[in-house]
Amino acid sequence: MTIRNLFICGVAVGAMGSTSGIPGAPLVIMYQNEPLEKTRPTMALVFTFSYVTSLAALAHAGAFNFKLAMDGLMLLPGLLIGFGVGRRARRYMTQAMGRILMLSIASIGAIILLIRSGMG
């Protein structure tokens, strides 16, 4: 956790978030050995800033509109249910389980992205 590595991670998060919409992998790699109490709020802050910035840039470029916003809001019920489940599950989450879960989700996301990219 050096300033240099955090800066490089930030650049990777920005680039990946802007190009693919999936900014989490560099964060997971950077924070995989940090306490979950530090990782969760850090990732939440970075994701929030990343997505707000991306939405503003997309809107400015004319690539984000009201219909897309409404489509995104359709995810809200599932997000709220997931938030509730996560709050309860967090009590039982160990550091090792959190690390495995974060790395697994990042890996599965990368594999899906590679498969979809290869399919055209």
C-alpha atoms as a PDB file:
ATOM      1  CA  MET A   1       0.000   0.000   0.000  1.00  0.00           C
ATOM      2  CA  THR A   2       2.273   2.736  -1.230  1.00  0.00           C
ATOM      3  CA  ILE A   3       1.219   6.044  -2.733  1.00  0.00           C
ATOM      4  CA  ARG A   4       2.730   4.931  -6.050  1.00  0.00           C
ATOM      5  CA  ASN A   5       0.777   1.651  -6.083  1.00  0.00           C
ATOM      6  CA  LEU A   6      -2.449   3.387  -5.057  1.00  0.00           C
ATOM      7  CA  PHE A   7      -1.948   5.898  -7.881  1.00  0.00           C
ATOM      8  CA  ILE A   8      -1.356   3.103 -10.420  1.00  0.00           C
ATOM      9  CA  CYS A   9      -4.428   1.270  -9.106  1.00  0.00           C
ATOM     10  CA  GLY A  10      -6.462   4.471  -9.464  1.00  0.00           C
ATOM     11  CA  VAL A  11      -5.374   4.889 -13.074  1.00  0.00           C
ATOM     12  CA  ALA A  12      -6.268   1.244 -13.794  1.00  0.00           C
ATOM     13  CA  VAL A  13      -9.666   1.631 -12.105  1.00  0.00           C
ATOM     14  CA  GLY A  14     -10.398   4.776 -14.107  1.00  0.00           C
ATOM     15  CA  ALA A  15      -9.318   3.232 -17.396  1.00  0.00           C
ATOM     16  CA  MET A  16     -11.134  -0.051 -16.842  1.00  0.00           C
ATOM     17  CA  GLY A  17     -14.252   1.639 -15.545  1.00  0.00           C
ATOM     18  CA  SER A  18     -14.371   3.973 -18.538  1.00  0.00           C
ATOM     19  CA  THR A  19     -13.725   1.316 -21.157  1.00  0.00           C
ATOM     20  CA  SER A  20     -15.560  -1.718 -19.794  1.00  0.00           C
ATOM     21  CA  GLY A  21     -17.734  -0.430 -16.955  1.00  0.00           C
ATOM     22  CA  ILE A  22     -16.033  -2.898 -14.608  1.00  0.00           C
ATOM     23  CA  PRO A  23     -13.558  -1.023 -12.403  1.00  0.00           C
ATOM     24  CA  GLY A  24     -13.273  -3.512  -9.534  1.00  0.00           C
ATOM     25  CA  ALA A  25     -10.497  -5.942 -10.493  1.00  0.00           C
ATOM     26  CA  PRO A  26      -7.533  -3.639  -9.771  1.00  0.00           C
ATOM     27  CA  LEU A  27      -9.106  -2.716  -6.426  1.00  0.00           C
ATOM     28  CA  VAL A  28      -9.594  -6.358  -5.507  1.00  0.00           C
ATOM     29  CA  ILE A  29      -5.970  -7.133  -6.303  1.00  0.00           C
ATOM     30  CA  MET A  30      -4.744  -4.083  -4.394  1.00  0.00           C
ATOM     31  CA  TYR A  31      -6.926  -4.628  -1.314  1.00  0.00           C
ATOM     32  CA  GLN A  32      -7.073  -8.436  -1.181  1.00  0.00           C
ATOM     33  CA  ASN A  33      -4.980  -8.623   2.007  1.00  0.00           C
ATOM     34  CA  GLU A  34      -6.455  -5.562   3.732  1.00  0.00           C
ATOM     35  CA  PRO A  35      -9.062  -5.895   6.489  1.00  0.00           C
ATOM     36  CA  LEU A  36     -12.627  -6.099   5.195  1.00  0.00           C
ATOM     37  CA  GLU A  37     -13.509  -3.112   7.377  1.00  0.00           C
ATOM     38  CA  LYS A  38     -11.123  -1.057   5.231  1.00  0.00           C
ATOM     39  CA  THR A  39     -11.865  -2.704   1.885  1.00  0.00           C
ATOM     40  CA  ARG A  40     -15.661  -2.338   1.850  1.00  0.00           C
ATOM     41  CA  PRO A  41     -15.879   1.432   2.388  1.00  0.00           C
ATOM     42  CA  THR A  42     -12.895   2.102   0.136  1.00  0.00           C
ATOM     43  CA  MET A  43     -14.422   0.150  -2.734  1.00  0.00           C
ATOM     44  CA  ALA A  44     -17.822   1.760  -2.162  1.00  0.00           C
ATOM     45  CA  LEU A  45     -16.308   5.239  -2.359  1.00  0.00           C
ATOM     46  CA  VAL A  46     -14.263   4.452  -5.472  1.00  0.00           C
ATOM     47  CA  PHE A  47     -17.226   2.797  -7.227  1.00  0.00           C
ATOM     48  CA  THR A  48     -19.514   5.709  -6.385  1.00  0.00           C
ATOM     49  CA  PHE A  49     -17.048   8.284  -7.705  1.00  0.00           C
ATOM     50  CA  SER A  50     -16.245   6.134 -10.744  1.00  0.00           C
ATOM     51  CA  TYR A  51     -19.866   5.621 -11.719  1.00  0.00           C
ATOM     52  CA  VAL A  52     -20.943   9.221 -11.143  1.00  0.00           C
ATOM     53  CA  THR A  53     -18.002  10.419 -13.234  1.00  0.00           C
ATOM     54  CA  SER A  54     -18.756   7.895 -15.985  1.00  0.00           C
ATOM     55  CA  LEU A  55     -22.442   8.848 -16.073  1.00  0.00           C
ATOM     56  CA  ALA A  56     -21.569  12.525 -16.319  1.00  0.00           C
ATOM     57  CA  ALA A  57     -19.119  11.842 -19.161  1.00  0.00           C
ATOM     58  CA  LEU A  58     -21.619   9.602 -20.978  1.00  0.00           C
ATOM     59  CA  ALA A  59     -24.366  12.216 -20.608  1.00  0.00           C
ATOM     60  CA  HIS A  60     -22.025  14.914 -21.899  1.00  0.00           C
ATOM     61  CA  ALA A  61     -21.191  12.734 -24.908  1.00  0.00           C
ATOM     62  CA  GLY A  62     -24.883  12.071 -25.567  1.00  0.00           C
ATOM     63  CA  ALA A  63     -24.557   8.358 -24.742  1.00  0.00           C
ATOM     64  CA  PHE A  64     -26.760   8.407 -21.603  1.00  0.00           C
ATOM     65  CA  ASN A  65     -30.418   9.350 -21.568  1.00  0.00           C
ATOM     66  CA  PHE A  66     -33.612   9.088 -19.524  1.00  0.00           C
ATOM     67  CA  LYS A  67     -34.529   5.644 -20.882  1.00  0.00           C
ATOM     68  CA  LEU A  68     -31.140   4.224 -19.913  1.00  0.00           C
ATOM     69  CA  ALA A  69     -31.495   5.781 -16.459  1.00  0.00           C
ATOM     70  CA  MET A  70     -34.898   4.111 -16.037  1.00  0.00           C
ATOM     71  CA  ASP A  71     -33.489   0.791 -17.241  1.00  0.00           C
ATOM     72  CA  GLY A  72     -30.773   1.115 -14.608  1.00  0.00           C
ATOM     73  CA  LEU A  73     -33.308   1.894 -11.906  1.00  0.00           C
ATOM     74  CA  MET A  74     -34.980  -1.450 -12.646  1.00  0.00           C
ATOM     75  CA  LEU A  75     -31.979  -3.006 -10.886  1.00  0.00           C
ATOM     76  CA  LEU A  76     -32.774  -1.142  -7.670  1.00  0.00           C
ATOM     77  CA  PRO A  77     -35.075  -3.771  -6.056  1.00  0.00           C
ATOM     78  CA  GLY A  78     -32.465  -6.494  -6.528  1.00  0.00           C
ATOM     79  CA  LEU A  79     -29.742  -4.169  -5.298  1.00  0.00           C
ATOM     80  CA  LEU A  80     -31.700  -3.448  -2.117  1.00  0.00           C
ATOM     81  CA  ILE A  81     -32.340  -7.151  -1.515  1.00  0.00           C
ATOM     82  CA  GLY A  82     -28.654  -7.886  -2.075  1.00  0.00           C
ATOM     83  CA  PHE A  83     -27.724  -5.087   0.318  1.00  0.00           C
ATOM     84  CA  GLY A  84     -29.943  -6.625   3.010  1.00  0.00           C
ATOM     85  CA  VAL A  85     -28.543 -10.111   2.453  1.00  0.00           C
ATOM     86  CA  GLY A  86     -24.997  -8.729   2.486  1.00  0.00           C
ATOM     87  CA  ARG A  87     -25.519  -6.920   5.783  1.00  0.00           C
ATOM     88  CA  ARG A  88     -26.612 -10.162   7.418  1.00  0.00           C
ATOM     89  CA  ALA A  89     -23.888 -12.272   5.770  1.00  0.00           C
ATOM     90  CA  ARG A  90     -21.186  -9.781   6.783  1.00  0.00           C
ATOM     91  CA  ARG A  91     -21.458 -10.969  10.401  1.00  0.00           C
ATOM     92  CA  TYR A  92     -20.211 -14.393   9.371  1.00  0.00           C
ATOM     93  CA  MET A  93     -17.610 -13.278   6.832  1.00  0.00           C
ATOM     94  CA  THR A  94     -14.005 -13.956   7.790  1.00  0.00           C
ATOM     95  CA  GLN A  95     -11.031 -12.219   6.226  1.00  0.00           C
ATOM     96  CA  ALA A  96     -10.169 -15.372   4.254  1.00  0.00           C
ATOM     97  CA  MET A  97     -13.746 -15.789   3.013  1.00  0.00           C
ATOM     98  CA  GLY A  98     -13.869 -12.137   1.957  1.00  0.00           C
ATOM     99  CA  ARG A  99     -10.602 -12.471   0.043  1.00  0.00           C
ATOM    100  CA  ILE A 100     -11.745 -15.625  -1.754  1.00  0.00           C
ATOM    101  CA  LEU A 101     -15.118 -14.070  -2.567  1.00  0.00           C
ATOM    102  CA  MET A 102     -13.613 -10.847  -3.942  1.00  0.00           C
ATOM    103  CA  LEU A 103     -11.011 -12.666  -6.051  1.00  0.00           C
ATOM    104  CA  SER A 104     -13.611 -15.172  -7.306  1.00  0.00           C
ATOM    105  CA  ILE A 105     -16.050 -12.472  -8.377  1.00  0.00           C
ATOM    106  CA  ALA A 106     -13.275 -10.508 -10.122  1.00  0.00           C
ATOM    107  CA  SER A 107     -12.028 -13.670 -11.870  1.00  0.00           C
ATOM    108  CA  ILE A 108     -15.491 -14.767 -12.995  1.00  0.00           C
ATOM    109  CA  GLY A 109     -16.179 -11.254 -14.289  1.00  0.00           C
ATOM    110  CA  ALA A 110     -12.909 -11.294 -16.233  1.00  0.00           C
ATOM    111  CA  ILE A 111     -13.672 -14.709 -17.730  1.00  0.00           C
ATOM    112  CA  ILE A 112     -17.175 -13.637 -18.784  1.00  0.00           C
ATOM    113  CA  LEU A 113     -15.790 -10.438 -20.322  1.00  0.00           C
ATOM    114  CA  LEU A 114     -13.157 -12.420 -22.269  1.00  0.00           C
ATOM    115  CA  ILE A 115     -15.743 -14.924 -23.504  1.00  0.00           C
ATOM    116  CA  ARG A 116     -18.139 -12.184 -24.614  1.00  0.00           C
ATOM    117  CA  SER A 117     -15.307 -10.279 -26.278  1.00  0.00           C
ATOM    118  CA  GLY A 118     -14.278 -13.389 -28.185  1.00  0.00           C
ATOM    119  CA  MET A 119     -17.828 -14.009 -29.351  1.00  0.00           C
ATOM    120  CA  GLY A 120     -17.911 -10.804 -31.246  1.00  0.00           C
END
